[in-house]
Amino acid sequence: MISSKIDLEQDIQPLSEFRKHTAEYIERVKNDKRPLILTQHGKSAAVLLDVNSYQKMLYNYNLNEELIEAERQISRDETQGHQEVILQVKENLKKWK
């Protein structure tokens, strides 16, 4: 998971500094699991994450979207009972045989 603690001195760097020390910053992000915030002209411009943290973030985002859609379906009474789902699964399994 992405660390919630950001070191204001180390984790926010100008793009020019990142260009000079790209390999070092990438290695630090991979090891520390803390994002690197890049600035351009004194304003935040981009965030660099390690791949594992990014994948976890995407997974959590997608899961959240699915939960929101499920809540919408429940509120519209678009749900199915347990027995209906079992029958539907059995029918789908027959198609795959």
PDB file of N, CA and C in Angstrom:
ATOM      1  N   MET A   1       0.843  -1.182   0.000  1.00  0.00           N
ATOM      2  CA  MET A   1       0.000   0.000   0.000  1.00  0.00           C
ATOM      3  C   MET A   1       0.885   1.242   0.000  1.00  0.00           C
ATOM      4  N   ILE A   2       0.366   2.309  -0.509  1.00  0.00           N
ATOM      5  CA  ILE A   2       1.099   3.564  -0.549  1.00  0.00           C
ATOM      6  C   ILE A   2       1.195   4.126   0.856  1.00  0.00           C
ATOM      7  N   SER A   3       2.398   4.502   1.238  1.00  0.00           N
ATOM      8  CA  SER A   3       2.594   5.071   2.564  1.00  0.00           C
ATOM      9  C   SER A   3       1.880   6.413   2.651  1.00  0.00           C
ATOM     10  N   SER A   4       1.195   6.631   3.759  1.00  0.00           N
ATOM     11  CA  SER A   4       0.481   7.899   3.926  1.00  0.00           C
ATOM     12  C   SER A   4       1.400   9.006   4.427  1.00  0.00           C
ATOM     13  N   LYS A   5       2.588   8.627   4.874  1.00  0.00           N
ATOM     14  CA  LYS A   5       3.518   9.633   5.383  1.00  0.00           C
ATOM     15  C   LYS A   5       4.403  10.131   4.250  1.00  0.00           C
ATOM     16  N   ILE A   6       4.341  11.406   4.021  1.00  0.00           N
ATOM     17  CA  ILE A   6       5.167  12.023   2.993  1.00  0.00           C
ATOM     18  C   ILE A   6       6.199  12.891   3.680  1.00  0.00           C
ATOM     19  N   ASP A   7       7.446  12.695   3.309  1.00  0.00           N
ATOM     20  CA  ASP A   7       8.543  13.508   3.821  1.00  0.00           C
ATOM     21  C   ASP A   7       8.634  14.744   2.927  1.00  0.00           C
ATOM     22  N   LEU A   8       8.257  15.883   3.462  1.00  0.00           N
ATOM     23  CA  LEU A   8       8.177  17.098   2.643  1.00  0.00           C
ATOM     24  C   LEU A   8       9.519  17.496   2.040  1.00  0.00           C
ATOM     25  N   GLU A   9      10.620  17.146   2.671  1.00  0.00           N
ATOM     26  CA  GLU A   9      11.940  17.481   2.126  1.00  0.00           C
ATOM     27  C   GLU A   9      12.367  16.509   1.040  1.00  0.00           C
ATOM     28  N   GLN A  10      12.045  15.227   1.201  1.00  0.00           N
ATOM     29  CA  GLN A  10      12.538  14.217   0.266  1.00  0.00           C
ATOM     30  C   GLN A  10      11.533  13.847  -0.812  1.00  0.00           C
ATOM     31  N   ASP A  11      10.263  13.905  -0.515  1.00  0.00           N
ATOM     32  CA  ASP A  11       9.256  13.357  -1.422  1.00  0.00           C
ATOM     33  C   ASP A  11       8.643  14.382  -2.369  1.00  0.00           C
ATOM     34  N   ILE A  12       9.039  15.605  -2.271  1.00  0.00           N
ATOM     35  CA  ILE A  12       8.590  16.641  -3.207  1.00  0.00           C
ATOM     36  C   ILE A  12       9.845  17.247  -3.826  1.00  0.00           C
ATOM     37  N   GLN A  13       9.981  17.048  -5.131  1.00  0.00           N
ATOM     38  CA  GLN A  13      11.205  17.483  -5.811  1.00  0.00           C
ATOM     39  C   GLN A  13      10.862  18.167  -7.129  1.00  0.00           C
ATOM     40  N   PRO A  14      11.674  19.151  -7.501  1.00  0.00           N
ATOM     41  CA  PRO A  14      11.463  19.782  -8.808  1.00  0.00           C
ATOM     42  C   PRO A  14      11.843  18.816  -9.933  1.00  0.00           C
ATOM     43  N   LEU A  15      11.185  18.964 -11.051  1.00  0.00           N
ATOM     44  CA  LEU A  15      11.442  18.121 -12.205  1.00  0.00           C
ATOM     45  C   LEU A  15      12.913  18.185 -12.628  1.00  0.00           C
ATOM     46  N   SER A  16      13.513  19.346 -12.529  1.00  0.00           N
ATOM     47  CA  SER A  16      14.927  19.490 -12.916  1.00  0.00           C
ATOM     48  C   SER A  16      15.828  18.606 -12.056  1.00  0.00           C
ATOM     49  N   GLU A  17      15.523  18.504 -10.759  1.00  0.00           N
ATOM     50  CA  GLU A  17      16.297  17.644  -9.855  1.00  0.00           C
ATOM     51  C   GLU A  17      16.061  16.171 -10.194  1.00  0.00           C
ATOM     52  N   PHE A  18      14.825  15.827 -10.524  1.00  0.00           N
ATOM     53  CA  PHE A  18      14.503  14.455 -10.917  1.00  0.00           C
ATOM     54  C   PHE A  18      15.276  14.060 -12.177  1.00  0.00           C
ATOM     55  N   ARG A  19      15.366  14.974 -13.128  1.00  0.00           N
ATOM     56  CA  ARG A  19      16.105  14.687 -14.369  1.00  0.00           C
ATOM     57  C   ARG A  19      17.577  14.374 -14.075  1.00  0.00           C
ATOM     58  N   LYS A  20      18.156  15.103 -13.134  1.00  0.00           N
ATOM     59  CA  LYS A  20      19.574  14.904 -12.805  1.00  0.00           C
ATOM     60  C   LYS A  20      19.827  13.568 -12.108  1.00  0.00           C
ATOM     61  N   HIS A  21      18.861  13.094 -11.328  1.00  0.00           N
ATOM     62  CA  HIS A  21      19.065  11.910 -10.478  1.00  0.00           C
ATOM     63  C   HIS A  21      17.946  10.878 -10.663  1.00  0.00           C
ATOM     64  N   THR A  22      17.502  10.699 -11.894  1.00  0.00           N
ATOM     65  CA  THR A  22      16.358   9.835 -12.172  1.00  0.00           C
ATOM     66  C   THR A  22      16.507   8.441 -11.573  1.00  0.00           C
ATOM     67  N   ALA A  23      17.604   7.777 -11.838  1.00  0.00           N
ATOM     68  CA  ALA A  23      17.787   6.394 -11.361  1.00  0.00           C
ATOM     69  C   ALA A  23      17.724   6.320  -9.839  1.00  0.00           C
ATOM     70  N   GLU A  24      18.330   7.293  -9.164  1.00  0.00           N
ATOM     71  CA  GLU A  24      18.326   7.305  -7.689  1.00  0.00           C
ATOM     72  C   GLU A  24      16.906   7.481  -7.149  1.00  0.00           C
ATOM     73  N   TYR A  25      16.133   8.381  -7.748  1.00  0.00           N
ATOM     74  CA  TYR A  25      14.764   8.615  -7.276  1.00  0.00           C
ATOM     75  C   TYR A  25      13.883   7.389  -7.529  1.00  0.00           C
ATOM     76  N   ILE A  26      14.042   6.766  -8.680  1.00  0.00           N
ATOM     77  CA  ILE A  26      13.253   5.572  -8.964  1.00  0.00           C
ATOM     78  C   ILE A  26      13.584   4.467  -7.983  1.00  0.00           C
ATOM     79  N   GLU A  27      14.850   4.274  -7.703  1.00  0.00           N
ATOM     80  CA  GLU A  27      15.256   3.245  -6.737  1.00  0.00           C
ATOM     81  C   GLU A  27      14.678   3.540  -5.355  1.00  0.00           C
ATOM     82  N   ARG A  28      14.691   4.806  -4.958  1.00  0.00           N
ATOM     83  CA  ARG A  28      14.142   5.176  -3.645  1.00  0.00           C
ATOM     84  C   ARG A  28      12.639   4.915  -3.568  1.00  0.00           C
ATOM     85  N   VAL A  29      11.919   5.262  -4.634  1.00  0.00           N
ATOM     86  CA  VAL A  29      10.475   5.029  -4.659  1.00  0.00           C
ATOM     87  C   VAL A  29      10.184   3.534  -4.568  1.00  0.00           C
ATOM     88  N   LYS A  30      10.957   2.725  -5.298  1.00  0.00           N
ATOM     89  CA  LYS A  30      10.763   1.271  -5.245  1.00  0.00           C
ATOM     90  C   LYS A  30      11.033   0.718  -3.844  1.00  0.00           C
ATOM     91  N   ASN A  31      12.073   1.207  -3.196  1.00  0.00           N
ATOM     92  CA  ASN A  31      12.460   0.673  -1.887  1.00  0.00           C
ATOM     93  C   ASN A  31      11.598   1.193  -0.744  1.00  0.00           C
ATOM     94  N   ASP A  32      11.323   2.487  -0.746  1.00  0.00           N
ATOM     95  CA  ASP A  32      10.602   3.120   0.371  1.00  0.00           C
ATOM     96  C   ASP A  32       9.090   3.010   0.258  1.00  0.00           C
ATOM     97  N   LYS A  33       8.592   2.743  -0.951  1.00  0.00           N
ATOM     98  CA  LYS A  33       7.140   2.651  -1.185  1.00  0.00           C
ATOM     99  C   LYS A  33       6.424   3.968  -0.893  1.00  0.00           C
ATOM    100  N   ARG A  34       7.171   5.060  -0.966  1.00  0.00           N
ATOM    101  CA  ARG A  34       6.563   6.379  -0.796  1.00  0.00           C
ATOM    102  C   ARG A  34       6.539   7.057  -2.164  1.00  0.00           C
ATOM    103  N   PRO A  35       5.440   7.747  -2.488  1.00  0.00           N
ATOM    104  CA  PRO A  35       5.385   8.426  -3.785  1.00  0.00           C
ATOM    105  C   PRO A  35       6.351   9.608  -3.841  1.00  0.00           C
ATOM    106  N   LEU A  36       6.768   9.932  -5.033  1.00  0.00           N
ATOM    107  CA  LEU A  36       7.590  11.112  -5.265  1.00  0.00           C
ATOM    108  C   LEU A  36       6.733  12.107  -6.022  1.00  0.00           C
ATOM    109  N   ILE A  37       6.582  13.282  -5.465  1.00  0.00           N
ATOM    110  CA  ILE A  37       5.779  14.329  -6.094  1.00  0.00           C
ATOM    111  C   ILE A  37       6.736  15.266  -6.823  1.00  0.00           C
ATOM    112  N   LEU A  38       6.516  15.405  -8.122  1.00  0.00           N
ATOM    113  CA  LEU A  38       7.383  16.262  -8.935  1.00  0.00           C
ATOM    114  C   LEU A  38       6.697  17.600  -9.175  1.00  0.00           C
ATOM    115  N   THR A  39       7.484  18.646  -9.062  1.00  0.00           N
ATOM    116  CA  THR A  39       6.945  19.987  -9.299  1.00  0.00           C
ATOM    117  C   THR A  39       7.559  20.566 -10.578  1.00  0.00           C
ATOM    118  N   GLN A  40       6.796  21.450 -11.173  1.00  0.00           N
ATOM    119  CA  GLN A  40       7.260  22.165 -12.356  1.00  0.00           C
ATOM    120  C   GLN A  40       6.813  23.602 -12.207  1.00  0.00           C
ATOM    121  N   HIS A  41       7.746  24.512 -12.276  1.00  0.00           N
ATOM    122  CA  HIS A  41       7.472  25.935 -12.078  1.00  0.00           C
ATOM    123  C   HIS A  41       6.827  26.184 -10.709  1.00  0.00           C
ATOM    124  N   GLY A  42       7.274  25.427  -9.706  1.00  0.00           N
ATOM    125  CA  GLY A  42       6.808  25.632  -8.342  1.00  0.00           C
ATOM    126  C   GLY A  42       5.452  25.026  -8.014  1.00  0.00           C
ATOM    127  N   LYS A  43       4.850  24.294  -8.947  1.00  0.00           N
ATOM    128  CA  LYS A  43       3.538  23.691  -8.709  1.00  0.00           C
ATOM    129  C   LYS A  43       3.621  22.188  -8.921  1.00  0.00           C
ATOM    130  N   SER A  44       2.804  21.450  -8.197  1.00  0.00           N
ATOM    131  CA  SER A  44       2.794  20.002  -8.362  1.00  0.00           C
ATOM    132  C   SER A  44       2.422  19.662  -9.806  1.00  0.00           C
ATOM    133  N   ALA A  45       3.146  18.676 -10.374  1.00  0.00           N
ATOM    134  CA  ALA A  45       2.935  18.340 -11.782  1.00  0.00           C
ATOM    135  C   ALA A  45       2.699  16.849 -12.004  1.00  0.00           C
ATOM    136  N   ALA A  46       3.344  15.992 -11.201  1.00  0.00           N
ATOM    137  CA  ALA A  46       3.211  14.552 -11.418  1.00  0.00           C
ATOM    138  C   ALA A  46       3.572  13.810 -10.135  1.00  0.00           C
ATOM    139  N   VAL A  47       3.124  12.543 -10.084  1.00  0.00           N
ATOM    140  CA  VAL A  47       3.433  11.685  -8.954  1.00  0.00           C
ATOM    141  C   VAL A  47       4.041  10.400  -9.497  1.00  0.00           C
ATOM    142  N   LEU A  48       5.150   9.986  -8.910  1.00  0.00           N
ATOM    143  CA  LEU A  48       5.815   8.749  -9.294  1.00  0.00           C
ATOM    144  C   LEU A  48       5.578   7.723  -8.190  1.00  0.00           C
ATOM    145  N   LEU A  49       5.036   6.550  -8.583  1.00  0.00           N
ATOM    146  CA  LEU A  49       4.746   5.469  -7.641  1.00  0.00           C
ATOM    147  C   LEU A  49       5.486   4.218  -8.057  1.00  0.00           C
ATOM    148  N   ASP A  50       5.770   3.335  -7.085  1.00  0.00           N
ATOM    149  CA  ASP A  50       6.297   2.031  -7.460  1.00  0.00           C
ATOM    150  C   ASP A  50       5.153   1.216  -8.049  1.00  0.00           C
ATOM    151  N   VAL A  51       5.479   0.234  -8.867  1.00  0.00           N
ATOM    152  CA  VAL A  51       4.485  -0.523  -9.623  1.00  0.00           C
ATOM    153  C   VAL A  51       3.507  -1.248  -8.697  1.00  0.00           C
ATOM    154  N   ASN A  52       4.007  -1.872  -7.647  1.00  0.00           N
ATOM    155  CA  ASN A  52       3.137  -2.612  -6.738  1.00  0.00           C
ATOM    156  C   ASN A  52       2.107  -1.697  -6.077  1.00  0.00           C
ATOM    157  N   SER A  53       2.528  -0.542  -5.642  1.00  0.00           N
ATOM    158  CA  SER A  53       1.600   0.416  -5.027  1.00  0.00           C
ATOM    159  C   SER A  53       0.561   0.884  -6.040  1.00  0.00           C
ATOM    160  N   TYR A  54       1.004   1.108  -7.274  1.00  0.00           N
ATOM    161  CA  TYR A  54       0.081   1.534  -8.329  1.00  0.00           C
ATOM    162  C   TYR A  54      -0.959   0.452  -8.607  1.00  0.00           C
ATOM    163  N   GLN A  55      -0.522  -0.806  -8.691  1.00  0.00           N
ATOM    164  CA  GLN A  55      -1.452  -1.901  -8.935  1.00  0.00           C
ATOM    165  C   GLN A  55      -2.465  -2.030  -7.806  1.00  0.00           C
ATOM    166  N   LYS A  56      -2.012  -1.898  -6.567  1.00  0.00           N
ATOM    167  CA  LYS A  56      -2.931  -1.960  -5.426  1.00  0.00           C
ATOM    168  C   LYS A  56      -3.932  -0.816  -5.472  1.00  0.00           C
ATOM    169  N   MET A  57      -3.457   0.358  -5.855  1.00  0.00           N
ATOM    170  CA  MET A  57      -4.339   1.516  -5.947  1.00  0.00           C
ATOM    171  C   MET A  57      -5.411   1.283  -7.017  1.00  0.00           C
ATOM    172  N   LEU A  58      -5.017   0.735  -8.170  1.00  0.00           N
ATOM    173  CA  LEU A  58      -5.980   0.437  -9.228  1.00  0.00           C
ATOM    174  C   LEU A  58      -6.980  -0.621  -8.778  1.00  0.00           C
ATOM    175  N   TYR A  59      -6.493  -1.659  -8.113  1.00  0.00           N
ATOM    176  CA  TYR A  59      -7.377  -2.709  -7.615  1.00  0.00           C
ATOM    177  C   TYR A  59      -8.419  -2.117  -6.662  1.00  0.00           C
ATOM    178  N   ASN A  60      -7.965  -1.301  -5.721  1.00  0.00           N
ATOM    179  CA  ASN A  60      -8.883  -0.685  -4.757  1.00  0.00           C
ATOM    180  C   ASN A  60      -9.871   0.249  -5.443  1.00  0.00           C
ATOM    181  N   TYR A  61      -9.414   0.983  -6.437  1.00  0.00           N
ATOM    182  CA  TYR A  61     -10.303   1.873  -7.179  1.00  0.00           C
ATOM    183  C   TYR A  61     -11.388   1.060  -7.892  1.00  0.00           C
ATOM    184  N   ASN A  62     -10.967  -0.002  -8.588  1.00  0.00           N
ATOM    185  CA  ASN A  62     -11.926  -0.831  -9.317  1.00  0.00           C
ATOM    186  C   ASN A  62     -12.909  -1.510  -8.370  1.00  0.00           C
ATOM    187  N   LEU A  63     -12.428  -1.987  -7.237  1.00  0.00           N
ATOM    188  CA  LEU A  63     -13.304  -2.602  -6.248  1.00  0.00           C
ATOM    189  C   LEU A  63     -14.323  -1.590  -5.735  1.00  0.00           C
ATOM    190  N   ASN A  64     -13.874  -0.384  -5.488  1.00  0.00           N
ATOM    191  CA  ASN A  64     -14.768   0.674  -5.026  1.00  0.00           C
ATOM    192  C   ASN A  64     -15.842   0.971  -6.070  1.00  0.00           C
ATOM    193  N   GLU A  65     -15.459   1.016  -7.346  1.00  0.00           N
ATOM    194  CA  GLU A  65     -16.424   1.248  -8.417  1.00  0.00           C
ATOM    195  C   GLU A  65     -17.466   0.130  -8.470  1.00  0.00           C
ATOM    196  N   GLU A  66     -17.028  -1.112  -8.285  1.00  0.00           N
ATOM    197  CA  GLU A  66     -17.962  -2.241  -8.283  1.00  0.00           C
ATOM    198  C   GLU A  66     -18.924  -2.155  -7.101  1.00  0.00           C
ATOM    199  N   LEU A  67     -18.425  -1.735  -5.948  1.00  0.00           N
ATOM    200  CA  LEU A  67     -19.296  -1.591  -4.782  1.00  0.00           C
ATOM    201  C   LEU A  67     -20.322  -0.479  -4.981  1.00  0.00           C
ATOM    202  N   ILE A  68     -19.899   0.606  -5.599  1.00  0.00           N
ATOM    203  CA  ILE A  68     -20.824   1.709  -5.879  1.00  0.00           C
ATOM    204  C   ILE A  68     -21.922   1.232  -6.828  1.00  0.00           C
ATOM    205  N   GLU A  69     -21.540   0.477  -7.862  1.00  0.00           N
ATOM    206  CA  GLU A  69     -22.537  -0.042  -8.806  1.00  0.00           C
ATOM    207  C   GLU A  69     -23.476  -1.029  -8.107  1.00  0.00           C
ATOM    208  N   ALA A  70     -22.944  -1.860  -7.234  1.00  0.00           N
ATOM    209  CA  ALA A  70     -23.794  -2.801  -6.491  1.00  0.00           C
ATOM    210  C   ALA A  70     -24.793  -2.050  -5.616  1.00  0.00           C
ATOM    211  N   GLU A  71     -24.362  -0.979  -4.969  1.00  0.00           N
ATOM    212  CA  GLU A  71     -25.271  -0.176  -4.146  1.00  0.00           C
ATOM    213  C   GLU A  71     -26.362   0.454  -5.012  1.00  0.00           C
ATOM    214  N   ARG A  72     -25.998   0.895  -6.216  1.00  0.00           N
ATOM    215  CA  ARG A  72     -27.006   1.462  -7.134  1.00  0.00           C
ATOM    216  C   ARG A  72     -28.034   0.402  -7.513  1.00  0.00           C
ATOM    217  N   GLN A  73     -27.567  -0.792  -7.811  1.00  0.00           N
ATOM    218  CA  GLN A  73     -28.471  -1.870  -8.186  1.00  0.00           C
ATOM    219  C   GLN A  73     -29.402  -2.233  -7.029  1.00  0.00           C
ATOM    220  N   ILE A  74     -28.867  -2.250  -5.830  1.00  0.00           N
ATOM    221  CA  ILE A  74     -29.694  -2.536  -4.654  1.00  0.00           C
ATOM    222  C   ILE A  74     -30.751  -1.451  -4.484  1.00  0.00           C
ATOM    223  N   SER A  75     -30.364  -0.195  -4.635  1.00  0.00           N
ATOM    224  CA  SER A  75     -31.322   0.903  -4.451  1.00  0.00           C
ATOM    225  C   SER A  75     -32.407   0.891  -5.539  1.00  0.00           C
ATOM    226  N   ARG A  76     -32.098   0.337  -6.735  1.00  0.00           N
ATOM    227  CA  ARG A  76     -33.084   0.227  -7.810  1.00  0.00           C
ATOM    228  C   ARG A  76     -33.817  -1.110  -7.754  1.00  0.00           C
ATOM    229  N   ASP A  77     -33.562  -1.858  -6.708  1.00  0.00           N
ATOM    230  CA  ASP A  77     -34.168  -3.178  -6.507  1.00  0.00           C
ATOM    231  C   ASP A  77     -33.893  -4.105  -7.684  1.00  0.00           C
ATOM    232  N   GLU A  78     -32.664  -4.065  -8.150  1.00  0.00           N
ATOM    233  CA  GLU A  78     -32.236  -4.922  -9.264  1.00  0.00           C
ATOM    234  C   GLU A  78     -31.406  -6.095  -8.745  1.00  0.00           C
ATOM    235  N   THR A  79     -31.881  -6.724  -7.686  1.00  0.00           N
ATOM    236  CA  THR A  79     -31.145  -7.831  -7.094  1.00  0.00           C
ATOM    237  C   THR A  79     -31.830  -9.152  -7.417  1.00  0.00           C
ATOM    238  N   GLN A  80     -31.107 -10.234  -7.207  1.00  0.00           N
ATOM    239  CA  GLN A  80     -31.649 -11.567  -7.423  1.00  0.00           C
ATOM    240  C   GLN A  80     -31.516 -12.362  -6.126  1.00  0.00           C
ATOM    241  N   GLY A  81     -32.436 -13.266  -5.935  1.00  0.00           N
ATOM    242  CA  GLY A  81     -32.379 -14.126  -4.768  1.00  0.00           C
ATOM    243  C   GLY A  81     -31.318 -15.203  -4.931  1.00  0.00           C
ATOM    244  N   HIS A  82     -30.981 -15.842  -3.831  1.00  0.00           N
ATOM    245  CA  HIS A  82     -29.953 -16.875  -3.800  1.00  0.00           C
ATOM    246  C   HIS A  82     -30.267 -18.010  -4.782  1.00  0.00           C
ATOM    247  N   GLN A  83     -31.483 -18.487  -4.759  1.00  0.00           N
ATOM    248  CA  GLN A  83     -31.870 -19.602  -5.636  1.00  0.00           C
ATOM    249  C   GLN A  83     -31.794 -19.210  -7.115  1.00  0.00           C
ATOM    250  N   GLU A  84     -32.178 -17.976  -7.424  1.00  0.00           N
ATOM    251  CA  GLU A  84     -32.096 -17.506  -8.811  1.00  0.00           C
ATOM    252  C   GLU A  84     -30.648 -17.511  -9.300  1.00  0.00           C
ATOM    253  N   VAL A  85     -29.752 -17.082  -8.445  1.00  0.00           N
ATOM    254  CA  VAL A  85     -28.333 -17.024  -8.816  1.00  0.00           C
ATOM    255  C   VAL A  85     -27.788 -18.431  -9.026  1.00  0.00           C
ATOM    256  N   ILE A  86     -28.141 -19.357  -8.142  1.00  0.00           N
ATOM    257  CA  ILE A  86     -27.678 -20.744  -8.282  1.00  0.00           C
ATOM    258  C   ILE A  86     -28.150 -21.327  -9.609  1.00  0.00           C
ATOM    259  N   LEU A  87     -29.409 -21.131  -9.960  1.00  0.00           N
ATOM    260  CA  LEU A  87     -29.935 -21.637 -11.228  1.00  0.00           C
ATOM    261  C   LEU A  87     -29.209 -21.013 -12.421  1.00  0.00           C
ATOM    262  N   GLN A  88     -28.950 -19.725 -12.325  1.00  0.00           N
ATOM    263  CA  GLN A  88     -28.260 -19.027 -13.416  1.00  0.00           C
ATOM    264  C   GLN A  88     -26.833 -19.553 -13.572  1.00  0.00           C
ATOM    265  N   VAL A  89     -26.148 -19.798 -12.469  1.00  0.00           N
ATOM    266  CA  VAL A  89     -24.783 -20.327 -12.529  1.00  0.00           C
ATOM    267  C   VAL A  89     -24.797 -21.725 -13.144  1.00  0.00           C
ATOM    268  N   LYS A  90     -25.741 -22.546 -12.724  1.00  0.00           N
ATOM    269  CA  LYS A  90     -25.838 -23.897 -13.281  1.00  0.00           C
ATOM    270  C   LYS A  90     -26.094 -23.854 -14.785  1.00  0.00           C
ATOM    271  N   GLU A  91     -26.945 -22.962 -15.234  1.00  0.00           N
ATOM    272  CA  GLU A  91     -27.228 -22.823 -16.654  1.00  0.00           C
ATOM    273  C   GLU A  91     -25.973 -22.402 -17.416  1.00  0.00           C
ATOM    274  N   ASN A  92     -25.258 -21.468 -16.845  1.00  0.00           N
ATOM    275  CA  ASN A  92     -24.018 -21.004 -17.496  1.00  0.00           C
ATOM    276  C   ASN A  92     -22.982 -22.112 -17.553  1.00  0.00           C
ATOM    277  N   LEU A  93     -22.909 -22.934 -16.513  1.00  0.00           N
ATOM    278  CA  LEU A  93     -21.955 -24.039 -16.514  1.00  0.00           C
ATOM    279  C   LEU A  93     -22.285 -25.062 -17.587  1.00  0.00           C
ATOM    280  N   LYS A  94     -23.570 -25.289 -17.829  1.00  0.00           N
ATOM    281  CA  LYS A  94     -23.993 -26.230 -18.868  1.00  0.00           C
ATOM    282  C   LYS A  94     -23.515 -25.763 -20.242  1.00  0.00           C
ATOM    283  N   LYS A  95     -23.498 -24.470 -20.458  1.00  0.00           N
ATOM    284  CA  LYS A  95     -23.066 -23.909 -21.753  1.00  0.00           C
ATOM    285  C   LYS A  95     -21.585 -24.159 -21.997  1.00  0.00           C
ATOM    286  N   TRP A  96     -20.803 -24.248 -20.928  1.00  0.00           N
ATOM    287  CA  TRP A  96     -19.358 -24.418 -21.060  1.00  0.00           C
ATOM    288  C   TRP A  96     -18.955 -25.886 -21.260  1.00  0.00           C
ATOM    289  N   LYS A  97     -19.880 -26.808 -21.075  1.00  0.00           N
ATOM    290  CA  LYS A  97     -19.545 -28.245 -21.210  1.00  0.00           C
ATOM    291  C   LYS A  97     -19.541 -28.667 -22.645  1.00  0.00           C
TER     292      LYS A  97
END
